[in-house]
C-alpha atoms as a PDB file:
ATOM      1  CA  MET A   1       2.508   1.859  27.896  1.00  0.00           C
ATOM      2  CA  ARG A   2       0.952  -1.301  26.486  1.00  0.00           C
ATOM      3  CA  LEU A   3      -0.479   0.041  23.213  1.00  0.00           C
ATOM      4  CA  LEU A   4       1.460   2.287  20.831  1.00  0.00           C
ATOM      5  CA  ILE A   5      -0.503   4.161  18.169  1.00  0.00           C
ATOM      6  CA  PHE A   6       1.642   5.823  15.514  1.00  0.00           C
ATOM      7  CA  ASP A   7       0.998   8.584  13.055  1.00  0.00           C
ATOM      8  CA  LEU A   8       2.515   7.738   9.643  1.00  0.00           C
ATOM      9  CA  ASP A   9       3.747  10.791   7.656  1.00  0.00           C
ATOM     10  CA  GLY A  10       6.413  12.693   9.557  1.00  0.00           C
ATOM     11  CA  THR A  11       6.538  10.108  12.339  1.00  0.00           C
ATOM     12  CA  LEU A  12       7.433   6.762  10.811  1.00  0.00           C
ATOM     13  CA  ILE A  13       8.068   7.769   7.204  1.00  0.00           C
ATOM     14  CA  ASP A  14       9.681  10.696   5.438  1.00  0.00           C
ATOM     15  CA  SER A  15       7.247  11.109   2.559  1.00  0.00           C
ATOM     16  CA  LYS A  16       7.778  14.807   1.897  1.00  0.00           C
ATOM     17  CA  LEU A  17       9.194  14.460  -1.588  1.00  0.00           C
ATOM     18  CA  ASP A  18       6.581  12.030  -2.907  1.00  0.00           C
ATOM     19  CA  LEU A  19       3.755  14.154  -1.480  1.00  0.00           C
ATOM     20  CA  ALA A  20       5.254  17.320  -2.953  1.00  0.00           C
ATOM     21  CA  HIS A  21       5.638  15.706  -6.365  1.00  0.00           C
ATOM     22  CA  ALA A  22       2.033  14.481  -6.259  1.00  0.00           C
ATOM     23  CA  VAL A  23       0.708  17.893  -5.228  1.00  0.00           C
ATOM     24  CA  ASN A  24       2.627  19.654  -7.981  1.00  0.00           C
ATOM     25  CA  ALA A  25       1.549  17.038 -10.508  1.00  0.00           C
ATOM     26  CA  ALA A  26      -2.056  17.796  -9.550  1.00  0.00           C
ATOM     27  CA  ARG A  27      -1.427  21.531  -9.892  1.00  0.00           C
ATOM     28  CA  ALA A  28       0.154  20.966 -13.317  1.00  0.00           C
ATOM     29  CA  TYR A  29      -2.892  18.913 -14.306  1.00  0.00           C
ATOM     30  CA  MET A  30      -4.992  21.936 -13.324  1.00  0.00           C
ATOM     31  CA  GLU A  31      -2.644  24.217 -15.317  1.00  0.00           C
ATOM     32  CA  MET A  32      -1.210  25.857 -12.198  1.00  0.00           C
ATOM     33  CA  PRO A  33       2.469  26.510 -11.388  1.00  0.00           C
ATOM     34  CA  PRO A  34       4.331  24.344  -8.850  1.00  0.00           C
ATOM     35  CA  LEU A  35       4.609  25.189  -5.163  1.00  0.00           C
ATOM     36  CA  ASP A  36       7.760  25.122  -3.068  1.00  0.00           C
ATOM     37  CA  HIS A  37       8.229  21.726  -1.414  1.00  0.00           C
ATOM     38  CA  SER A  38       8.687  23.235   2.040  1.00  0.00           C
ATOM     39  CA  LEU A  39       5.335  25.027   1.751  1.00  0.00           C
ATOM     40  CA  ILE A  40       3.582  21.806   0.768  1.00  0.00           C
ATOM     41  CA  GLY A  41       5.022  20.155   3.867  1.00  0.00           C
ATOM     42  CA  THR A  42       3.126  22.636   6.052  1.00  0.00           C
ATOM     43  CA  TYR A  43      -0.133  21.563   4.390  1.00  0.00           C
ATOM     44  CA  VAL A  44       0.193  17.895   5.424  1.00  0.00           C
ATOM     45  CA  GLY A  45      -1.554  16.386   8.436  1.00  0.00           C
ATOM     46  CA  ASN A  46      -5.297  16.737   7.990  1.00  0.00           C
ATOM     47  CA  GLY A  47      -5.814  14.278   5.148  1.00  0.00           C
ATOM     48  CA  ALA A  48      -5.609  14.349   1.354  1.00  0.00           C
ATOM     49  CA  PRO A  49      -8.745  16.483   0.769  1.00  0.00           C
ATOM     50  CA  MET A  50      -7.424  19.245   3.016  1.00  0.00           C
ATOM     51  CA  LEU A  51      -3.915  18.953   1.556  1.00  0.00           C
ATOM     52  CA  VAL A  52      -5.235  19.487  -1.962  1.00  0.00           C
ATOM     53  CA  ARG A  53      -7.636  22.208  -0.817  1.00  0.00           C
ATOM     54  CA  ARG A  54      -4.731  24.144   0.694  1.00  0.00           C
ATOM     55  CA  ALA A  55      -2.500  23.505  -2.312  1.00  0.00           C
ATOM     56  CA  MET A  56      -5.137  24.761  -4.731  1.00  0.00           C
ATOM     57  CA  GLY A  57      -5.663  27.990  -2.827  1.00  0.00           C
ATOM     58  CA  THR A  58      -8.764  29.855  -1.753  1.00  0.00           C
ATOM     59  CA  GLU A  59      -9.510  31.010  -5.290  1.00  0.00           C
ATOM     60  CA  ALA A  60     -10.180  27.464  -6.516  1.00  0.00           C
ATOM     61  CA  SER A  61     -13.779  26.263  -6.691  1.00  0.00           C
ATOM     62  CA  GLN A  62     -14.879  23.067  -4.978  1.00  0.00           C
ATOM     63  CA  GLY A  63     -15.271  21.439  -8.378  1.00  0.00           C
ATOM     64  CA  GLU A  64     -11.667  22.273  -9.244  1.00  0.00           C
ATOM     65  CA  VAL A  65     -10.477  20.956  -5.908  1.00  0.00           C
ATOM     66  CA  ASP A  66     -12.393  17.720  -6.454  1.00  0.00           C
ATOM     67  CA  ARG A  67     -10.790  17.258  -9.893  1.00  0.00           C
ATOM     68  CA  ALA A  68      -7.336  17.965  -8.492  1.00  0.00           C
ATOM     69  CA  LEU A  69      -7.940  15.596  -5.570  1.00  0.00           C
ATOM     70  CA  ASP A  70      -8.967  12.782  -7.875  1.00  0.00           C
ATOM     71  CA  PHE A  71      -5.802  13.258  -9.926  1.00  0.00           C
ATOM     72  CA  PHE A  72      -3.667  13.581  -6.785  1.00  0.00           C
ATOM     73  CA  ILE A  73      -4.935  10.254  -5.398  1.00  0.00           C
ATOM     74  CA  ARG A  74      -4.373   8.442  -8.688  1.00  0.00           C
ATOM     75  CA  TYR A  75      -0.892   9.905  -9.153  1.00  0.00           C
ATOM     76  CA  TYR A  76       0.209   9.439  -5.549  1.00  0.00           C
ATOM     77  CA  SER A  77      -0.968   5.825  -5.409  1.00  0.00           C
ATOM     78  CA  GLN A  78       1.434   5.102  -8.274  1.00  0.00           C
ATOM     79  CA  HIS A  79       4.359   7.117  -6.859  1.00  0.00           C
ATOM     80  CA  CYS A  80       3.996   6.876  -3.070  1.00  0.00           C
ATOM     81  CA  LEU A  81       7.183   4.818  -2.711  1.00  0.00           C
ATOM     82  CA  ASP A  82       9.428   6.598  -5.212  1.00  0.00           C
ATOM     83  CA  PHE A  83      11.414   8.432  -2.517  1.00  0.00           C
ATOM     84  CA  THR A  84       9.619   7.625   0.747  1.00  0.00           C
ATOM     85  CA  VAL A  85      11.824   6.081   3.450  1.00  0.00           C
ATOM     86  CA  LEU A  86      11.704   5.310   7.151  1.00  0.00           C
ATOM     87  CA  TYR A  87      13.213   7.905   9.442  1.00  0.00           C
ATOM     88  CA  PRO A  88      16.480   6.924  11.146  1.00  0.00           C
ATOM     89  CA  GLY A  89      15.911   4.602  14.098  1.00  0.00           C
ATOM     90  CA  VAL A  90      12.358   3.669  13.151  1.00  0.00           C
ATOM     91  CA  GLN A  91      13.125   0.163  11.884  1.00  0.00           C
ATOM     92  CA  GLU A  92      15.194  -0.726  14.942  1.00  0.00           C
ATOM     93  CA  ALA A  93      12.633   0.699  17.361  1.00  0.00           C
ATOM     94  CA  LEU A  94       9.712  -1.117  15.737  1.00  0.00           C
ATOM     95  CA  ASP A  95      11.671  -4.380  15.567  1.00  0.00           C
ATOM     96  CA  ARG A  96      12.474  -4.198  19.281  1.00  0.00           C
ATOM     97  CA  LEU A  97       8.893  -3.398  20.239  1.00  0.00           C
ATOM     98  CA  ARG A  98       7.556  -6.168  18.027  1.00  0.00           C
ATOM     99  CA  GLY A  99      10.047  -8.599  19.581  1.00  0.00           C
ATOM    100  CA  ALA A 100       8.689  -7.666  23.012  1.00  0.00           C
ATOM    101  CA  ALA A 101       5.107  -8.288  21.797  1.00  0.00           C
ATOM    102  CA  VAL A 102       4.036  -4.668  22.328  1.00  0.00           C
ATOM    103  CA  PRO A 103       0.794  -4.092  20.373  1.00  0.00           C
ATOM    104  CA  MET A 104       1.248  -1.408  17.724  1.00  0.00           C
ATOM    105  CA  ALA A 105      -1.156   0.280  15.310  1.00  0.00           C
ATOM    106  CA  ILE A 106      -1.132   3.136  12.821  1.00  0.00           C
ATOM    107  CA  LEU A 107      -3.681   5.945  12.892  1.00  0.00           C
ATOM    108  CA  THR A 108      -3.159   8.376  10.023  1.00  0.00           C
ATOM    109  CA  ASN A 109      -5.232  10.854   8.068  1.00  0.00           C
ATOM    110  CA  LYS A 110      -3.716   9.505   4.843  1.00  0.00           C
ATOM    111  CA  PRO A 111      -6.118   7.348   2.747  1.00  0.00           C
ATOM    112  CA  VAL A 112      -6.085   3.851   4.207  1.00  0.00           C
ATOM    113  CA  ARG A 113      -5.397   1.979   0.944  1.00  0.00           C
ATOM    114  CA  ILE A 114      -2.295   4.028   0.223  1.00  0.00           C
ATOM    115  CA  SER A 115      -1.232   3.709   3.862  1.00  0.00           C
ATOM    116  CA  HIS A 116      -1.331  -0.087   3.559  1.00  0.00           C
ATOM    117  CA  GLN A 117       0.539   0.149   0.273  1.00  0.00           C
ATOM    118  CA  ILE A 118       3.365   2.130   1.852  1.00  0.00           C
ATOM    119  CA  VAL A 119       3.599   0.043   5.023  1.00  0.00           C
ATOM    120  CA  ASN A 120       3.650  -3.160   2.974  1.00  0.00           C
ATOM    121  CA  GLY A 121       6.203  -1.735   0.557  1.00  0.00           C
ATOM    122  CA  LEU A 122       8.539  -0.810   3.407  1.00  0.00           C
ATOM    123  CA  GLY A 123       8.280  -4.289   4.901  1.00  0.00           C
ATOM    124  CA  LEU A 124       6.450  -3.267   8.072  1.00  0.00           C
ATOM    125  CA  ALA A 125       3.083  -4.951   7.613  1.00  0.00           C
ATOM    126  CA  GLY A 126       3.810  -7.561  10.282  1.00  0.00           C
ATOM    127  CA  HIS A 127       4.554  -4.968  12.933  1.00  0.00           C
ATOM    128  CA  PHE A 128       1.024  -3.526  13.205  1.00  0.00           C
ATOM    129  CA  PHE A 129      -2.182  -5.289  14.148  1.00  0.00           C
ATOM    130  CA  ARG A 130      -4.268  -2.528  12.542  1.00  0.00           C
ATOM    131  CA  ILE A 131      -3.864   0.398  10.165  1.00  0.00           C
ATOM    132  CA  TYR A 132      -6.583   3.032  10.139  1.00  0.00           C
ATOM    133  CA  GLY A 133      -6.582   5.885   7.634  1.00  0.00           C
ATOM    134  CA  GLY A 134      -8.380   9.132   7.065  1.00  0.00           C
ATOM    135  CA  ASN A 135     -11.285   7.375   5.345  1.00  0.00           C
ATOM    136  CA  SER A 136     -11.626   4.522   7.861  1.00  0.00           C
ATOM    137  CA  PHE A 137     -14.144   6.509   9.936  1.00  0.00           C
ATOM    138  CA  GLU A 138     -16.539   9.363   9.357  1.00  0.00           C
ATOM    139  CA  GLN A 139     -14.193  11.687  11.257  1.00  0.00           C
ATOM    140  CA  LYS A 140     -10.422  12.189  10.948  1.00  0.00           C
ATOM    141  CA  LYS A 141      -7.866  13.070  13.614  1.00  0.00           C
ATOM    142  CA  PRO A 142      -8.033  14.973  15.928  1.00  0.00           C
ATOM    143  CA  ASP A 143     -11.366  13.223  16.487  1.00  0.00           C
ATOM    144  CA  PRO A 144     -10.705  10.373  18.951  1.00  0.00           C
ATOM    145  CA  VAL A 145     -12.790   7.773  17.090  1.00  0.00           C
ATOM    146  CA  GLY A 146      -9.719   5.913  15.767  1.00  0.00           C
ATOM    147  CA  ILE A 147      -8.090   5.615  19.181  1.00  0.00           C
ATOM    148  CA  ASP A 148     -11.396   4.589  20.722  1.00  0.00           C
ATOM    149  CA  ALA A 149     -11.730   1.790  18.157  1.00  0.00           C
ATOM    150  CA  LEU A 150      -8.181   0.548  18.774  1.00  0.00           C
ATOM    151  CA  LEU A 151      -8.662   0.526  22.547  1.00  0.00           C
ATOM    152  CA  GLU A 152     -11.872  -1.449  22.158  1.00  0.00           C
ATOM    153  CA  GLU A 153     -10.180  -3.959  19.860  1.00  0.00           C
ATOM    154  CA  CYS A 154      -7.345  -4.506  22.339  1.00  0.00           C
ATOM    155  CA  GLY A 155      -9.499  -4.425  25.441  1.00  0.00           C
ATOM    156  CA  LEU A 156      -7.001  -2.094  27.115  1.00  0.00           C
ATOM    157  CA  PRO A 157      -7.605   0.892  29.414  1.00  0.00           C
ATOM    158  CA  ARG A 158      -6.893   4.400  28.189  1.00  0.00           C
ATOM    159  CA  GLU A 159      -4.017   4.921  30.590  1.00  0.00           C
ATOM    160  CA  SER A 160      -2.055   2.142  28.862  1.00  0.00           C
ATOM    161  CA  ALA A 161      -2.110   3.744  25.402  1.00  0.00           C
ATOM    162  CA  VAL A 162       0.062   6.429  23.805  1.00  0.00           C
ATOM    163  CA  MET A 163      -0.398   8.335  20.543  1.00  0.00           C
ATOM    164  CA  VAL A 164       2.906   9.083  18.814  1.00  0.00           C
ATOM    165  CA  GLY A 165       3.140  11.868  16.245  1.00  0.00           C
ATOM    166  CA  ASP A 166       4.993  14.860  14.861  1.00  0.00           C
ATOM    167  CA  SER A 167       2.262  17.488  14.937  1.00  0.00           C
ATOM    168  CA  ALA A 168      -0.301  19.206  17.114  1.00  0.00           C
ATOM    169  CA  VAL A 169      -3.007  17.213  15.318  1.00  0.00           C
ATOM    170  CA  ASP A 170      -1.675  14.019  16.895  1.00  0.00           C
ATOM    171  CA  ILE A 171      -1.356  15.565  20.344  1.00  0.00           C
ATOM    172  CA  ARG A 172      -4.902  16.920  20.185  1.00  0.00           C
ATOM    173  CA  THR A 173      -6.091  13.478  19.117  1.00  0.00           C
ATOM    174  CA  ALA A 174      -4.474  11.986  22.202  1.00  0.00           C
ATOM    175  CA  ARG A 175      -5.969  14.666  24.432  1.00  0.00           C
ATOM    176  CA  ASN A 176      -9.440  14.137  22.948  1.00  0.00           C
ATOM    177  CA  ALA A 177      -9.125  10.390  23.554  1.00  0.00           C
ATOM    178  CA  LYS A 178      -7.680  10.916  27.052  1.00  0.00           C
ATOM    179  CA  VAL A 179      -4.539   8.897  26.341  1.00  0.00           C
ATOM    180  CA  GLN A 180      -0.849   9.758  26.656  1.00  0.00           C
ATOM    181  CA  ALA A 181       0.866  11.732  23.904  1.00  0.00           C
ATOM    182  CA  CYS A 182       4.411  11.377  22.586  1.00  0.00           C
ATOM    183  CA  GLY A 183       5.844  13.913  20.164  1.00  0.00           C
ATOM    184  CA  VAL A 184       8.838  13.524  17.867  1.00  0.00           C
ATOM    185  CA  THR A 185      11.157  16.454  17.195  1.00  0.00           C
ATOM    186  CA  TYR A 186      11.693  15.609  13.521  1.00  0.00           C
ATOM    187  CA  GLY A 187       8.978  15.257  10.894  1.00  0.00           C
ATOM    188  CA  PHE A 188       6.762  17.743   9.082  1.00  0.00           C
ATOM    189  CA  GLN A 189       5.442  20.024  11.827  1.00  0.00           C
ATOM    190  CA  PRO A 190       7.428  19.616  15.065  1.00  0.00           C
ATOM    191  CA  GLU A 191       7.159  23.367  15.673  1.00  0.00           C
ATOM    192  CA  SER A 192       3.431  22.899  16.282  1.00  0.00           C
ATOM    193  CA  LEU A 193       4.265  20.870  19.397  1.00  0.00           C
ATOM    194  CA  LYS A 194       5.274  24.095  21.172  1.00  0.00           C
ATOM    195  CA  GLU A 195       1.645  25.194  21.116  1.00  0.00           C
ATOM    196  CA  THR A 196       0.337  21.746  22.080  1.00  0.00           C
ATOM    197  CA  PRO A 197       3.069  20.066  24.152  1.00  0.00           C
ATOM    198  CA  PRO A 198       3.047  16.261  24.479  1.00  0.00           C
ATOM    199  CA  ASP A 199       3.647  14.268  27.659  1.00  0.00           C
ATOM    200  CA  ILE A 200       6.868  12.852  26.205  1.00  0.00           C
ATOM    201  CA  LEU A 201       9.170  14.316  23.546  1.00  0.00           C
ATOM    202  CA  VAL A 202      11.796  12.218  21.741  1.00  0.00           C
ATOM    203  CA  ASP A 203      14.391  12.928  19.068  1.00  0.00           C
ATOM    204  CA  ASP A 204      14.450   9.318  17.879  1.00  0.00           C
ATOM    205  CA  LEU A 205      11.919   6.480  18.159  1.00  0.00           C
ATOM    206  CA  ARG A 206      14.615   4.320  19.745  1.00  0.00           C
ATOM    207  CA  GLU A 207      14.279   6.576  22.797  1.00  0.00           C
ATOM    208  CA  LEU A 208      10.584   5.716  22.996  1.00  0.00           C
ATOM    209  CA  ALA A 209      11.357   2.009  22.635  1.00  0.00           C
ATOM    210  CA  ASP A 210      13.853   2.274  25.500  1.00  0.00           C
ATOM    211  CA  HIS A 211      11.254   3.988  27.664  1.00  0.00           C
ATOM    212  CA  VAL A 212       8.476   1.519  26.885  1.00  0.00           C
ATOM    213  CA  LEU A 213      10.606  -1.579  27.357  1.00  0.00           C
ATOM    214  CA  GLN A 214      12.170  -0.325  30.587  1.00  0.00           C
ATOM    215  CA  THR A 215       8.784   0.438  32.122  1.00  0.00           C
ATOM    216  CA  SER A 216       6.850  -2.566  30.799  1.00  0.00           C
END
């Protein structure tokens, strides 16, 4: 493993509360009652437009969804670091990998500007050579375009890369790109990994760091 590509929400950061607050703020703006935070967590993973679409429900028109999405983005950009933290072990794992000069990138379906904002705010900007978000390409994960771009930038073969994530979306992205997949047992949707099992499964990113550094 010579290139590590990380999902963001549910993999590196616990952003459940800030996302839930932003979703419910958008629903309040649209004069709708709040949703349970645990339900909102199941809506995360396919980008902000899909998150808001799901949160608004099938009865909402596209125009209403667009209005709610616009509010959600504005609200979340101002509150994305209110309660968001790194998962246990993430800082240590990333520090070790950075110290060993392992190339690392982020590929998320979250809007790229907010992704940069969060990574910078958590002091991790220097760990990643690239951050790609859900609006960096025409297609989002599980389309392989983001991984393809990162491989081309690094000049590395597919067999040297691994996609790390907490959901089936990330595993399918890895499969579509023909790279290795690593799942984490915490996060937003670890139960989805039973349907789409990864090549490697870890409870803590320090386990992945151990594996990478022992085999490099």
